[in-house]
Amino acid sequence: MEHHTKNESKKYYKRIQNVTQEFKPRVNARRDANGKILTEKEYIQRGWKEYFESVLIADPDDTDSMIFFTVEKEEIQSSYEEVTHIIKCLKTHKAP
């Protein structure tokens, strides 16, 4: 191992990782709408395009499949005593 000096420790551990880890091949495949496995890059891209078009270009009148989230503003009223107590509990010279 030639990367054992202090300045090259990152290279040393990267080399150890490369030697000790097993090879994990990358799998590029997906299933189409019929369940058929697609492995060619062109077909995979076309499949993802069709999927996102079907998801993103939805019927605006179809609200059954849409989920709506609302956020209600919560009013928090702190008393003067609560605020002063919390400030006193903070460590000195420390940001909250």
C-alpha atoms as a PDB file:
ATOM      1  CA  MET A   1       0.000   0.000   0.000  1.00  0.00           C
ATOM      2  CA  GLU A   2       1.725   3.096  -1.246  1.00  0.00           C
ATOM      3  CA  HIS A   3      -0.839   5.572   0.191  1.00  0.00           C
ATOM      4  CA  HIS A   4       0.032   5.180   3.841  1.00  0.00           C
ATOM      5  CA  THR A   5       1.392   8.646   4.548  1.00  0.00           C
ATOM      6  CA  LYS A   6      -0.591  11.160   6.557  1.00  0.00           C
ATOM      7  CA  ASN A   7      -1.393  13.382   3.586  1.00  0.00           C
ATOM      8  CA  GLU A   8      -2.768  10.519   1.492  1.00  0.00           C
ATOM      9  CA  SER A   9      -5.017   8.767   4.009  1.00  0.00           C
ATOM     10  CA  LYS A  10      -8.105   9.328   1.850  1.00  0.00           C
ATOM     11  CA  LYS A  11      -6.446   7.546  -1.074  1.00  0.00           C
ATOM     12  CA  TYR A  12      -5.319   4.752   1.261  1.00  0.00           C
ATOM     13  CA  TYR A  13      -8.815   4.045   2.585  1.00  0.00           C
ATOM     14  CA  LYS A  14     -10.325   4.338  -0.892  1.00  0.00           C
ATOM     15  CA  ARG A  15      -7.844   1.706  -2.101  1.00  0.00           C
ATOM     16  CA  ILE A  16      -8.734  -0.560   0.851  1.00  0.00           C
ATOM     17  CA  GLN A  17     -12.419  -0.140   0.009  1.00  0.00           C
ATOM     18  CA  ASN A  18     -11.833  -1.019  -3.653  1.00  0.00           C
ATOM     19  CA  VAL A  19      -9.880  -4.150  -2.750  1.00  0.00           C
ATOM     20  CA  THR A  20     -12.215  -5.490  -0.068  1.00  0.00           C
ATOM     21  CA  GLN A  21     -15.665  -4.756  -1.503  1.00  0.00           C
ATOM     22  CA  GLU A  22     -17.281  -7.167  -3.880  1.00  0.00           C
ATOM     23  CA  PHE A  23     -18.371  -6.083  -7.343  1.00  0.00           C
ATOM     24  CA  LYS A  24     -21.995  -4.949  -7.592  1.00  0.00           C
ATOM     25  CA  PRO A  25     -23.131  -4.595 -11.197  1.00  0.00           C
ATOM     26  CA  ARG A  26     -25.483  -1.760 -12.018  1.00  0.00           C
ATOM     27  CA  VAL A  27     -28.832  -2.905 -13.335  1.00  0.00           C
ATOM     28  CA  ASN A  28     -30.644  -0.611 -15.740  1.00  0.00           C
ATOM     29  CA  ALA A  29     -34.092  -2.027 -16.252  1.00  0.00           C
ATOM     30  CA  ARG A  30     -37.701  -1.235 -15.566  1.00  0.00           C
ATOM     31  CA  ARG A  31     -41.086  -2.784 -16.208  1.00  0.00           C
ATOM     32  CA  ASP A  32     -43.546  -1.356 -18.682  1.00  0.00           C
ATOM     33  CA  ALA A  33     -47.308  -1.069 -18.146  1.00  0.00           C
ATOM     34  CA  ASN A  34     -47.790  -4.709 -19.213  1.00  0.00           C
ATOM     35  CA  GLY A  35     -45.159  -6.041 -16.801  1.00  0.00           C
ATOM     36  CA  LYS A  36     -42.548  -6.721 -19.464  1.00  0.00           C
ATOM     37  CA  ILE A  37     -38.958  -5.980 -18.393  1.00  0.00           C
ATOM     38  CA  LEU A  38     -37.254  -3.322 -20.504  1.00  0.00           C
ATOM     39  CA  THR A  39     -33.458  -3.340 -20.636  1.00  0.00           C
ATOM     40  CA  GLU A  40     -32.549  -1.187 -23.639  1.00  0.00           C
ATOM     41  CA  LYS A  41     -31.804   2.447 -22.814  1.00  0.00           C
ATOM     42  CA  GLU A  42     -34.170   3.801 -25.484  1.00  0.00           C
ATOM     43  CA  TYR A  43     -37.116   1.749 -24.239  1.00  0.00           C
ATOM     44  CA  ILE A  44     -36.403   2.586 -20.596  1.00  0.00           C
ATOM     45  CA  GLN A  45     -36.380   6.317 -21.347  1.00  0.00           C
ATOM     46  CA  ARG A  46     -39.577   6.051 -23.356  1.00  0.00           C
ATOM     47  CA  GLY A  47     -41.215   4.126 -20.515  1.00  0.00           C
ATOM     48  CA  TRP A  48     -40.274   6.773 -17.943  1.00  0.00           C
ATOM     49  CA  LYS A  49     -41.500   9.509 -20.291  1.00  0.00           C
ATOM     50  CA  GLU A  50     -44.876   7.802 -20.661  1.00  0.00           C
ATOM     51  CA  TYR A  51     -45.125   7.253 -16.907  1.00  0.00           C
ATOM     52  CA  PHE A  52     -44.438  10.878 -15.985  1.00  0.00           C
ATOM     53  CA  GLU A  53     -46.737  12.156 -18.704  1.00  0.00           C
ATOM     54  CA  SER A  54     -49.543  10.051 -17.292  1.00  0.00           C
ATOM     55  CA  VAL A  55     -48.847  11.243 -13.749  1.00  0.00           C
ATOM     56  CA  LEU A  56     -48.153  14.927 -14.387  1.00  0.00           C
ATOM     57  CA  ILE A  57     -50.665  15.587 -17.125  1.00  0.00           C
ATOM     58  CA  ALA A  58     -53.785  14.628 -15.254  1.00  0.00           C
ATOM     59  CA  ASP A  59     -57.388  15.663 -15.828  1.00  0.00           C
ATOM     60  CA  PRO A  60     -57.917  18.870 -13.789  1.00  0.00           C
ATOM     61  CA  ASP A  61     -61.536  17.868 -13.084  1.00  0.00           C
ATOM     62  CA  ASP A  62     -60.441  14.554 -11.535  1.00  0.00           C
ATOM     63  CA  THR A  63     -60.061  15.597  -7.899  1.00  0.00           C
ATOM     64  CA  ASP A  64     -60.571  12.070  -6.553  1.00  0.00           C
ATOM     65  CA  SER A  65     -56.952  11.140  -7.239  1.00  0.00           C
ATOM     66  CA  MET A  66     -55.539  14.411  -5.907  1.00  0.00           C
ATOM     67  CA  ILE A  67     -54.475  14.953  -2.327  1.00  0.00           C
ATOM     68  CA  PHE A  68     -54.753  18.423  -0.890  1.00  0.00           C
ATOM     69  CA  PHE A  69     -52.801  19.628   2.116  1.00  0.00           C
ATOM     70  CA  THR A  70     -53.669  22.739   4.047  1.00  0.00           C
ATOM     71  CA  VAL A  71     -51.619  24.496   6.638  1.00  0.00           C
ATOM     72  CA  GLU A  72     -53.263  26.419   9.399  1.00  0.00           C
ATOM     73  CA  LYS A  73     -51.256  29.126  11.096  1.00  0.00           C
ATOM     74  CA  GLU A  74     -50.864  28.366  14.774  1.00  0.00           C
ATOM     75  CA  GLU A  75     -50.910  31.376  17.033  1.00  0.00           C
ATOM     76  CA  ILE A  76     -48.453  30.976  19.874  1.00  0.00           C
ATOM     77  CA  GLN A  77     -48.659  33.473  22.674  1.00  0.00           C
ATOM     78  CA  SER A  78     -45.686  33.412  25.003  1.00  0.00           C
ATOM     79  CA  SER A  79     -45.755  35.260  28.258  1.00  0.00           C
ATOM     80  CA  TYR A  80     -43.000  37.592  29.351  1.00  0.00           C
ATOM     81  CA  GLU A  81     -42.105  35.221  32.199  1.00  0.00           C
ATOM     82  CA  GLU A  82     -41.702  32.247  29.845  1.00  0.00           C
ATOM     83  CA  VAL A  83     -39.375  34.171  27.554  1.00  0.00           C
ATOM     84  CA  THR A  84     -37.212  35.496  30.402  1.00  0.00           C
ATOM     85  CA  HIS A  85     -36.991  32.016  31.955  1.00  0.00           C
ATOM     86  CA  ILE A  86     -35.848  30.481  28.658  1.00  0.00           C
ATOM     87  CA  ILE A  87     -33.252  33.222  28.143  1.00  0.00           C
ATOM     88  CA  LYS A  88     -31.880  32.665  31.654  1.00  0.00           C
ATOM     89  CA  CYS A  89     -31.586  28.918  30.972  1.00  0.00           C
ATOM     90  CA  LEU A  90     -29.404  29.506  27.908  1.00  0.00           C
ATOM     91  CA  LYS A  91     -25.669  29.039  28.304  1.00  0.00           C
ATOM     92  CA  THR A  92     -23.678  32.222  28.172  1.00  0.00           C
ATOM     93  CA  HIS A  93     -22.015  33.185  24.885  1.00  0.00           C
ATOM     94  CA  LYS A  94     -23.959  30.518  22.995  1.00  0.00           C
ATOM     95  CA  ALA A  95     -26.384  31.027  20.129  1.00  0.00           C
ATOM     96  CA  PRO A  96     -29.885  29.629  20.696  1.00  0.00           C
END
